[in-house]
PDB file of N, CA and C in Angstrom:
ATOM      1  N   MET A   1     -49.567  62.437 -32.063  1.00  0.00           N
ATOM      2  CA  MET A   1     -48.376  62.561 -31.324  1.00  0.00           C
ATOM      3  C   MET A   1     -47.038  62.498 -32.309  1.00  0.00           C
ATOM      4  N   SER A   2     -46.269  63.442 -32.151  1.00  0.00           N
ATOM      5  CA  SER A   2     -45.060  63.529 -33.092  1.00  0.00           C
ATOM      6  C   SER A   2     -43.800  63.107 -32.212  1.00  0.00           C
ATOM      7  N   MET A   3     -42.993  62.315 -32.921  1.00  0.00           N
ATOM      8  CA  MET A   3     -41.767  61.892 -32.214  1.00  0.00           C
ATOM      9  C   MET A   3     -40.553  62.608 -32.959  1.00  0.00           C
ATOM     10  N   LYS A   4     -39.551  62.826 -32.110  1.00  0.00           N
ATOM     11  CA  LYS A   4     -38.206  63.353 -32.719  1.00  0.00           C
ATOM     12  C   LYS A   4     -37.314  62.212 -33.069  1.00  0.00           C
ATOM     13  N   TYR A   5     -36.896  62.153 -34.191  1.00  0.00           N
ATOM     14  CA  TYR A   5     -36.098  61.084 -34.679  1.00  0.00           C
ATOM     15  C   TYR A   5     -34.571  61.630 -34.861  1.00  0.00           C
ATOM     16  N   LYS A   6     -33.685  60.771 -34.511  1.00  0.00           N
ATOM     17  CA  LYS A   6     -32.227  61.072 -34.638  1.00  0.00           C
ATOM     18  C   LYS A   6     -31.587  60.213 -35.645  1.00  0.00           C
ATOM     19  N   PRO A   7     -31.390  60.650 -36.931  1.00  0.00           N
ATOM     20  CA  PRO A   7     -30.897  59.835 -38.060  1.00  0.00           C
ATOM     21  C   PRO A   7     -29.542  59.275 -37.611  1.00  0.00           C
ATOM     22  N   ASN A   8     -28.683  60.005 -36.883  1.00  0.00           N
ATOM     23  CA  ASN A   8     -27.362  59.521 -36.732  1.00  0.00           C
ATOM     24  C   ASN A   8     -27.346  58.238 -35.852  1.00  0.00           C
ATOM     25  N   LEU A   9     -28.345  58.120 -34.917  1.00  0.00           N
ATOM     26  CA  LEU A   9     -28.589  56.822 -34.278  1.00  0.00           C
ATOM     27  C   LEU A   9     -28.753  55.622 -35.030  1.00  0.00           C
ATOM     28  N   TYR A  10     -29.710  55.772 -36.073  1.00  0.00           N
ATOM     29  CA  TYR A  10     -30.007  54.692 -37.007  1.00  0.00           C
ATOM     30  C   TYR A  10     -28.881  54.088 -37.729  1.00  0.00           C
ATOM     31  N   ASP A  11     -28.148  54.892 -38.313  1.00  0.00           N
ATOM     32  CA  ASP A  11     -27.016  54.459 -39.176  1.00  0.00           C
ATOM     33  C   ASP A  11     -25.815  54.140 -38.443  1.00  0.00           C
ATOM     34  N   SER A  12     -25.654  54.423 -37.119  1.00  0.00           N
ATOM     35  CA  SER A  12     -24.434  54.024 -36.398  1.00  0.00           C
ATOM     36  C   SER A  12     -24.714  52.714 -35.443  1.00  0.00           C
ATOM     37  N   ASP A  13     -25.993  52.119 -35.585  1.00  0.00           N
ATOM     38  CA  ASP A  13     -26.050  51.008 -34.984  1.00  0.00           C
ATOM     39  C   ASP A  13     -25.343  49.818 -35.487  1.00  0.00           C
ATOM     40  N   PRO A  14     -24.414  49.126 -34.696  1.00  0.00           N
ATOM     41  CA  PRO A  14     -23.477  48.031 -35.227  1.00  0.00           C
ATOM     42  C   PRO A  14     -24.058  46.737 -35.191  1.00  0.00           C
ATOM     43  N   ARG A  15     -25.316  46.559 -34.778  1.00  0.00           N
ATOM     44  CA  ARG A  15     -25.824  45.131 -34.568  1.00  0.00           C
ATOM     45  C   ARG A  15     -26.067  44.381 -35.825  1.00  0.00           C
ATOM     46  N   ASP A  16     -25.354  43.189 -36.015  1.00  0.00           N
ATOM     47  CA  ASP A  16     -25.250  42.514 -37.196  1.00  0.00           C
ATOM     48  C   ASP A  16     -26.591  42.038 -37.767  1.00  0.00           C
ATOM     49  N   PHE A  17     -27.762  41.854 -37.001  1.00  0.00           N
ATOM     50  CA  PHE A  17     -28.939  41.682 -37.737  1.00  0.00           C
ATOM     51  C   PHE A  17     -29.347  42.769 -38.683  1.00  0.00           C
ATOM     52  N   LEU A  18     -28.908  43.892 -38.513  1.00  0.00           N
ATOM     53  CA  LEU A  18     -29.272  44.989 -39.460  1.00  0.00           C
ATOM     54  C   LEU A  18     -28.649  44.727 -40.805  1.00  0.00           C
ATOM     55  N   LYS A  19     -27.394  44.280 -40.732  1.00  0.00           N
ATOM     56  CA  LYS A  19     -26.613  43.957 -42.041  1.00  0.00           C
ATOM     57  C   LYS A  19     -27.515  42.734 -42.761  1.00  0.00           C
ATOM     58  N   GLU A  20     -27.901  41.724 -41.917  1.00  0.00           N
ATOM     59  CA  GLU A  20     -28.632  40.630 -42.310  1.00  0.00           C
ATOM     60  C   GLU A  20     -29.991  41.005 -42.914  1.00  0.00           C
ATOM     61  N   GLU A  21     -30.584  42.032 -42.549  1.00  0.00           N
ATOM     62  CA  GLU A  21     -31.710  42.630 -42.998  1.00  0.00           C
ATOM     63  C   GLU A  21     -31.606  43.150 -44.353  1.00  0.00           C
ATOM     64  N   VAL A  22     -30.595  43.810 -44.582  1.00  0.00           N
ATOM     65  CA  VAL A  22     -30.243  44.276 -46.047  1.00  0.00           C
ATOM     66  C   VAL A  22     -30.212  43.286 -47.074  1.00  0.00           C
ATOM     67  N   SER A  23     -29.501  42.226 -46.540  1.00  0.00           N
ATOM     68  CA  SER A  23     -29.098  41.083 -47.401  1.00  0.00           C
ATOM     69  C   SER A  23     -30.422  40.350 -47.749  1.00  0.00           C
ATOM     70  N   PHE A  24     -31.400  40.231 -46.677  1.00  0.00           N
ATOM     71  CA  PHE A  24     -32.632  39.579 -46.881  1.00  0.00           C
ATOM     72  C   PHE A  24     -33.470  40.196 -48.001  1.00  0.00           C
ATOM     73  N   TYR A  25     -33.466  41.513 -48.003  1.00  0.00           N
ATOM     74  CA  TYR A  25     -34.165  42.271 -48.956  1.00  0.00           C
ATOM     75  C   TYR A  25     -33.680  42.169 -50.402  1.00  0.00           C
ATOM     76  N   VAL A  26     -32.189  42.248 -50.427  1.00  0.00           N
ATOM     77  CA  VAL A  26     -31.572  42.059 -51.702  1.00  0.00           C
ATOM     78  C   VAL A  26     -31.900  40.747 -52.237  1.00  0.00           C
ATOM     79  N   LYS A  27     -31.953  39.631 -51.469  1.00  0.00           N
ATOM     80  CA  LYS A  27     -32.230  38.243 -51.854  1.00  0.00           C
ATOM     81  C   LYS A  27     -33.692  38.224 -52.492  1.00  0.00           C
ATOM     82  N   LEU A  28     -34.541  38.966 -51.823  1.00  0.00           N
ATOM     83  CA  LEU A  28     -35.935  39.006 -52.288  1.00  0.00           C
ATOM     84  C   LEU A  28     -35.963  39.610 -53.616  1.00  0.00           C
ATOM     85  N   ILE A  29     -35.347  40.831 -53.737  1.00  0.00           N
ATOM     86  CA  ILE A  29     -35.335  41.606 -55.013  1.00  0.00           C
ATOM     87  C   ILE A  29     -34.789  40.818 -56.213  1.00  0.00           C
ATOM     88  N   LYS A  30     -33.673  40.136 -55.873  1.00  0.00           N
ATOM     89  CA  LYS A  30     -33.101  39.253 -56.917  1.00  0.00           C
ATOM     90  C   LYS A  30     -33.933  38.043 -57.262  1.00  0.00           C
ATOM     91  N   LYS A  31     -34.701  37.538 -56.341  1.00  0.00           N
ATOM     92  CA  LYS A  31     -35.566  36.256 -56.551  1.00  0.00           C
ATOM     93  C   LYS A  31     -36.762  36.714 -57.451  1.00  0.00           C
ATOM     94  N   TYR A  32     -37.463  37.882 -56.982  1.00  0.00           N
ATOM     95  CA  TYR A  32     -38.790  38.150 -57.682  1.00  0.00           C
ATOM     96  C   TYR A  32     -38.683  39.249 -58.706  1.00  0.00           C
ATOM     97  N   LYS A  33     -37.498  39.906 -58.958  1.00  0.00           N
ATOM     98  CA  LYS A  33     -37.184  40.954 -59.859  1.00  0.00           C
ATOM     99  C   LYS A  33     -38.328  41.952 -60.062  1.00  0.00           C
ATOM    100  N   PRO A  34     -38.817  42.616 -58.972  1.00  0.00           N
ATOM    101  CA  PRO A  34     -39.745  43.668 -59.278  1.00  0.00           C
ATOM    102  C   PRO A  34     -39.264  44.928 -59.941  1.00  0.00           C
ATOM    103  N   LYS A  35     -39.840  45.465 -60.798  1.00  0.00           N
ATOM    104  CA  LYS A  35     -39.259  46.855 -61.418  1.00  0.00           C
ATOM    105  C   LYS A  35     -39.345  47.938 -60.561  1.00  0.00           C
ATOM    106  N   LYS A  36     -40.364  47.934 -59.584  1.00  0.00           N
ATOM    107  CA  LYS A  36     -40.607  49.134 -58.566  1.00  0.00           C
ATOM    108  C   LYS A  36     -40.553  48.651 -57.237  1.00  0.00           C
ATOM    109  N   ILE A  37     -40.270  49.537 -56.391  1.00  0.00           N
ATOM    110  CA  ILE A  37     -40.381  49.273 -55.013  1.00  0.00           C
ATOM    111  C   ILE A  37     -40.998  50.453 -54.231  1.00  0.00           C
ATOM    112  N   LEU A  38     -41.596  50.096 -53.117  1.00  0.00           N
ATOM    113  CA  LEU A  38     -42.249  51.199 -52.168  1.00  0.00           C
ATOM    114  C   LEU A  38     -41.839  50.860 -50.747  1.00  0.00           C
ATOM    115  N   GLU A  39     -41.035  51.788 -50.005  1.00  0.00           N
ATOM    116  CA  GLU A  39     -40.699  51.382 -48.662  1.00  0.00           C
ATOM    117  C   GLU A  39     -41.430  52.426 -47.817  1.00  0.00           C
ATOM    118  N   LEU A  40     -42.335  51.985 -47.091  1.00  0.00           N
ATOM    119  CA  LEU A  40     -42.976  52.896 -46.099  1.00  0.00           C
ATOM    120  C   LEU A  40     -42.114  53.028 -44.859  1.00  0.00           C
ATOM    121  N   GLY A  41     -41.953  54.148 -44.438  1.00  0.00           N
ATOM    122  CA  GLY A  41     -41.082  54.355 -43.197  1.00  0.00           C
ATOM    123  C   GLY A  41     -39.618  54.203 -43.705  1.00  0.00           C
ATOM    124  N   VAL A  42     -39.196  54.869 -44.797  1.00  0.00           N
ATOM    125  CA  VAL A  42     -37.879  54.632 -45.350  1.00  0.00           C
ATOM    126  C   VAL A  42     -36.845  55.053 -44.326  1.00  0.00           C
ATOM    127  N   GLY A  43     -37.003  56.003 -43.533  1.00  0.00           N
ATOM    128  CA  GLY A  43     -36.049  56.469 -42.530  1.00  0.00           C
ATOM    129  C   GLY A  43     -34.897  57.046 -43.285  1.00  0.00           C
ATOM    130  N   THR A  44     -33.602  56.553 -42.840  1.00  0.00           N
ATOM    131  CA  THR A  44     -32.440  57.186 -43.492  1.00  0.00           C
ATOM    132  C   THR A  44     -31.996  56.414 -44.763  1.00  0.00           C
ATOM    133  N   GLY A  45     -32.949  55.559 -45.095  1.00  0.00           N
ATOM    134  CA  GLY A  45     -32.608  54.742 -46.506  1.00  0.00           C
ATOM    135  C   GLY A  45     -31.729  53.761 -46.501  1.00  0.00           C
ATOM    136  N   ARG A  46     -31.436  53.149 -45.277  1.00  0.00           N
ATOM    137  CA  ARG A  46     -30.572  52.124 -45.023  1.00  0.00           C
ATOM    138  C   ARG A  46     -30.718  50.894 -45.937  1.00  0.00           C
ATOM    139  N   ILE A  47     -31.874  50.464 -46.060  1.00  0.00           N
ATOM    140  CA  ILE A  47     -32.271  49.475 -46.961  1.00  0.00           C
ATOM    141  C   ILE A  47     -32.479  49.941 -48.544  1.00  0.00           C
ATOM    142  N   PHE A  48     -33.358  51.083 -48.455  1.00  0.00           N
ATOM    143  CA  PHE A  48     -33.739  51.609 -49.786  1.00  0.00           C
ATOM    144  C   PHE A  48     -32.531  52.071 -50.779  1.00  0.00           C
ATOM    145  N   LYS A  49     -31.620  52.451 -50.198  1.00  0.00           N
ATOM    146  CA  LYS A  49     -30.339  52.823 -51.163  1.00  0.00           C
ATOM    147  C   LYS A  49     -29.522  51.633 -51.607  1.00  0.00           C
ATOM    148  N   GLU A  50     -29.729  50.653 -51.031  1.00  0.00           N
ATOM    149  CA  GLU A  50     -28.999  49.427 -51.449  1.00  0.00           C
ATOM    150  C   GLU A  50     -29.871  48.651 -52.467  1.00  0.00           C
ATOM    151  N   LEU A  51     -31.092  48.919 -52.503  1.00  0.00           N
ATOM    152  CA  LEU A  51     -31.950  48.237 -53.408  1.00  0.00           C
ATOM    153  C   LEU A  51     -32.227  49.025 -54.923  1.00  0.00           C
ATOM    154  N   LEU A  52     -31.885  50.191 -54.937  1.00  0.00           N
ATOM    155  CA  LEU A  52     -32.043  51.104 -56.062  1.00  0.00           C
ATOM    156  C   LEU A  52     -31.252  50.609 -57.378  1.00  0.00           C
ATOM    157  N   ASN A  53     -30.015  50.023 -57.066  1.00  0.00           N
ATOM    158  CA  ASN A  53     -29.447  49.392 -58.234  1.00  0.00           C
ATOM    159  C   ASN A  53     -30.009  48.097 -58.748  1.00  0.00           C
ATOM    160  N   LEU A  54     -31.034  47.534 -58.001  1.00  0.00           N
ATOM    161  CA  LEU A  54     -31.703  46.285 -58.593  1.00  0.00           C
ATOM    162  C   LEU A  54     -32.979  46.459 -59.136  1.00  0.00           C
ATOM    163  N   VAL A  55     -33.548  47.733 -59.098  1.00  0.00           N
ATOM    164  CA  VAL A  55     -34.877  48.029 -59.585  1.00  0.00           C
ATOM    165  C   VAL A  55     -34.783  49.130 -60.487  1.00  0.00           C
ATOM    166  N   ASP A  56     -35.975  49.489 -61.347  1.00  0.00           N
ATOM    167  CA  ASP A  56     -36.130  50.499 -62.135  1.00  0.00           C
ATOM    168  C   ASP A  56     -36.352  51.715 -61.464  1.00  0.00           C
ATOM    169  N   TYR A  57     -37.157  51.716 -60.503  1.00  0.00           N
ATOM    170  CA  TYR A  57     -37.718  52.834 -59.705  1.00  0.00           C
ATOM    171  C   TYR A  57     -38.085  52.530 -58.359  1.00  0.00           C
ATOM    172  N   GLY A  58     -37.686  53.458 -57.390  1.00  0.00           N
ATOM    173  CA  GLY A  58     -38.149  53.242 -55.949  1.00  0.00           C
ATOM    174  C   GLY A  58     -38.720  54.509 -55.391  1.00  0.00           C
ATOM    175  N   VAL A  59     -39.773  54.347 -54.532  1.00  0.00           N
ATOM    176  CA  VAL A  59     -40.394  55.437 -53.797  1.00  0.00           C
ATOM    177  C   VAL A  59     -40.308  55.149 -52.235  1.00  0.00           C
ATOM    178  N   GLY A  60     -39.749  56.187 -51.611  1.00  0.00           N
ATOM    179  CA  GLY A  60     -39.590  56.021 -50.108  1.00  0.00           C
ATOM    180  C   GLY A  60     -40.434  57.079 -49.424  1.00  0.00           C
ATOM    181  N   ILE A  61     -41.167  56.747 -48.364  1.00  0.00           N
ATOM    182  CA  ILE A  61     -42.106  57.559 -47.747  1.00  0.00           C
ATOM    183  C   ILE A  61     -41.764  57.520 -46.166  1.00  0.00           C
ATOM    184  N   ASP A  62     -41.702  58.753 -45.592  1.00  0.00           N
ATOM    185  CA  ASP A  62     -41.422  58.895 -44.197  1.00  0.00           C
ATOM    186  C   ASP A  62     -42.024  60.232 -43.603  1.00  0.00           C
ATOM    187  N   ASN A  63     -42.331  60.286 -42.461  1.00  0.00           N
ATOM    188  CA  ASN A  63     -43.044  61.395 -41.940  1.00  0.00           C
ATOM    189  C   ASN A  63     -42.070  62.412 -41.188  1.00  0.00           C
ATOM    190  N   SER A  64     -40.683  61.975 -41.236  1.00  0.00           N
ATOM    191  CA  SER A  64     -39.616  62.901 -40.744  1.00  0.00           C
ATOM    192  C   SER A  64     -38.773  63.456 -41.870  1.00  0.00           C
ATOM    193  N   ASP A  65     -38.944  64.770 -42.042  1.00  0.00           N
ATOM    194  CA  ASP A  65     -38.211  65.571 -42.981  1.00  0.00           C
ATOM    195  C   ASP A  65     -36.640  65.326 -42.778  1.00  0.00           C
ATOM    196  N   GLU A  66     -36.248  65.312 -41.518  1.00  0.00           N
ATOM    197  CA  GLU A  66     -34.833  65.141 -41.129  1.00  0.00           C
ATOM    198  C   GLU A  66     -34.333  63.752 -41.613  1.00  0.00           C
ATOM    199  N   MET A  67     -35.194  62.510 -41.398  1.00  0.00           N
ATOM    200  CA  MET A  67     -34.753  61.336 -41.968  1.00  0.00           C
ATOM    201  C   MET A  67     -34.646  61.388 -43.496  1.00  0.00           C
ATOM    202  N   LEU A  68     -35.622  62.003 -44.091  1.00  0.00           N
ATOM    203  CA  LEU A  68     -35.666  61.897 -45.557  1.00  0.00           C
ATOM    204  C   LEU A  68     -34.420  62.680 -46.166  1.00  0.00           C
ATOM    205  N   SER A  69     -34.040  63.643 -45.471  1.00  0.00           N
ATOM    206  CA  SER A  69     -32.757  64.385 -45.924  1.00  0.00           C
ATOM    207  C   SER A  69     -31.635  63.654 -45.902  1.00  0.00           C
ATOM    208  N   VAL A  70     -31.390  62.697 -44.771  1.00  0.00           N
ATOM    209  CA  VAL A  70     -30.386  61.839 -44.735  1.00  0.00           C
ATOM    210  C   VAL A  70     -30.425  60.852 -45.782  1.00  0.00           C
ATOM    211  N   CYS A  71     -31.657  60.231 -46.190  1.00  0.00           N
ATOM    212  CA  CYS A  71     -31.912  59.235 -47.081  1.00  0.00           C
ATOM    213  C   CYS A  71     -31.414  59.873 -48.424  1.00  0.00           C
ATOM    214  N   GLU A  72     -31.973  61.060 -48.805  1.00  0.00           N
ATOM    215  CA  GLU A  72     -31.557  61.679 -49.980  1.00  0.00           C
ATOM    216  C   GLU A  72     -30.126  61.753 -50.206  1.00  0.00           C
ATOM    217  N   LYS A  73     -29.271  62.085 -49.315  1.00  0.00           N
ATOM    218  CA  LYS A  73     -27.824  62.112 -49.157  1.00  0.00           C
ATOM    219  C   LYS A  73     -27.249  60.762 -49.615  1.00  0.00           C
ATOM    220  N   GLY A  74     -27.937  59.655 -49.071  1.00  0.00           N
ATOM    221  CA  GLY A  74     -27.369  58.236 -49.337  1.00  0.00           C
ATOM    222  C   GLY A  74     -27.731  57.911 -50.577  1.00  0.00           C
ATOM    223  N   CYS A  75     -28.604  58.311 -51.189  1.00  0.00           N
ATOM    224  CA  CYS A  75     -29.224  57.973 -52.522  1.00  0.00           C
ATOM    225  C   CYS A  75     -28.473  58.816 -53.612  1.00  0.00           C
ATOM    226  N   PHE A  76     -27.465  59.485 -53.284  1.00  0.00           N
ATOM    227  CA  PHE A  76     -26.737  60.411 -54.129  1.00  0.00           C
ATOM    228  C   PHE A  76     -26.209  59.502 -55.389  1.00  0.00           C
ATOM    229  N   GLY A  77     -26.270  59.958 -56.501  1.00  0.00           N
ATOM    230  CA  GLY A  77     -25.908  59.313 -57.677  1.00  0.00           C
ATOM    231  C   GLY A  77     -26.958  58.416 -58.323  1.00  0.00           C
ATOM    232  N   HIS A  78     -27.983  58.258 -57.747  1.00  0.00           N
ATOM    233  CA  HIS A  78     -29.252  57.709 -58.218  1.00  0.00           C
ATOM    234  C   HIS A  78     -30.273  58.443 -58.733  1.00  0.00           C
ATOM    235  N   ASN A  79     -30.799  58.221 -60.002  1.00  0.00           N
ATOM    236  CA  ASN A  79     -31.898  59.154 -60.468  1.00  0.00           C
ATOM    237  C   ASN A  79     -33.202  58.370 -60.622  1.00  0.00           C
ATOM    238  N   ASN A  80     -33.237  57.260 -60.060  1.00  0.00           N
ATOM    239  CA  ASN A  80     -34.460  56.450 -60.316  1.00  0.00           C
ATOM    240  C   ASN A  80     -35.381  56.200 -58.954  1.00  0.00           C
ATOM    241  N   TYR A  81     -35.519  57.355 -58.267  1.00  0.00           N
ATOM    242  CA  TYR A  81     -36.169  57.290 -56.902  1.00  0.00           C
ATOM    243  C   TYR A  81     -36.950  58.580 -56.670  1.00  0.00           C
ATOM    244  N   GLU A  82     -37.896  58.531 -55.734  1.00  0.00           N
ATOM    245  CA  GLU A  82     -38.636  59.691 -55.372  1.00  0.00           C
ATOM    246  C   GLU A  82     -38.782  59.508 -53.870  1.00  0.00           C
ATOM    247  N   LEU A  83     -38.770  60.638 -53.128  1.00  0.00           N
ATOM    248  CA  LEU A  83     -38.952  60.614 -51.685  1.00  0.00           C
ATOM    249  C   LEU A  83     -40.068  61.546 -51.410  1.00  0.00           C
TER     250      LEU A  83
END
């Protein structure tokens, strides 16, 4: 079964826990210092794009081309990732 995703809804969600979620992953990256990351279900890249400055390389996977398109725009300026 295929679902229709609405990328604009993901990035417009104002709930505070979403900001805390990004902070949580940034802290993990800083603590463990991985060189590479893989995000399954990367969606719009809300977390992914924030981590790219902290790693050598990132891979994001999603089954929605529309979400990946938004993610790619959000990763503008980075050359250390693949979607």
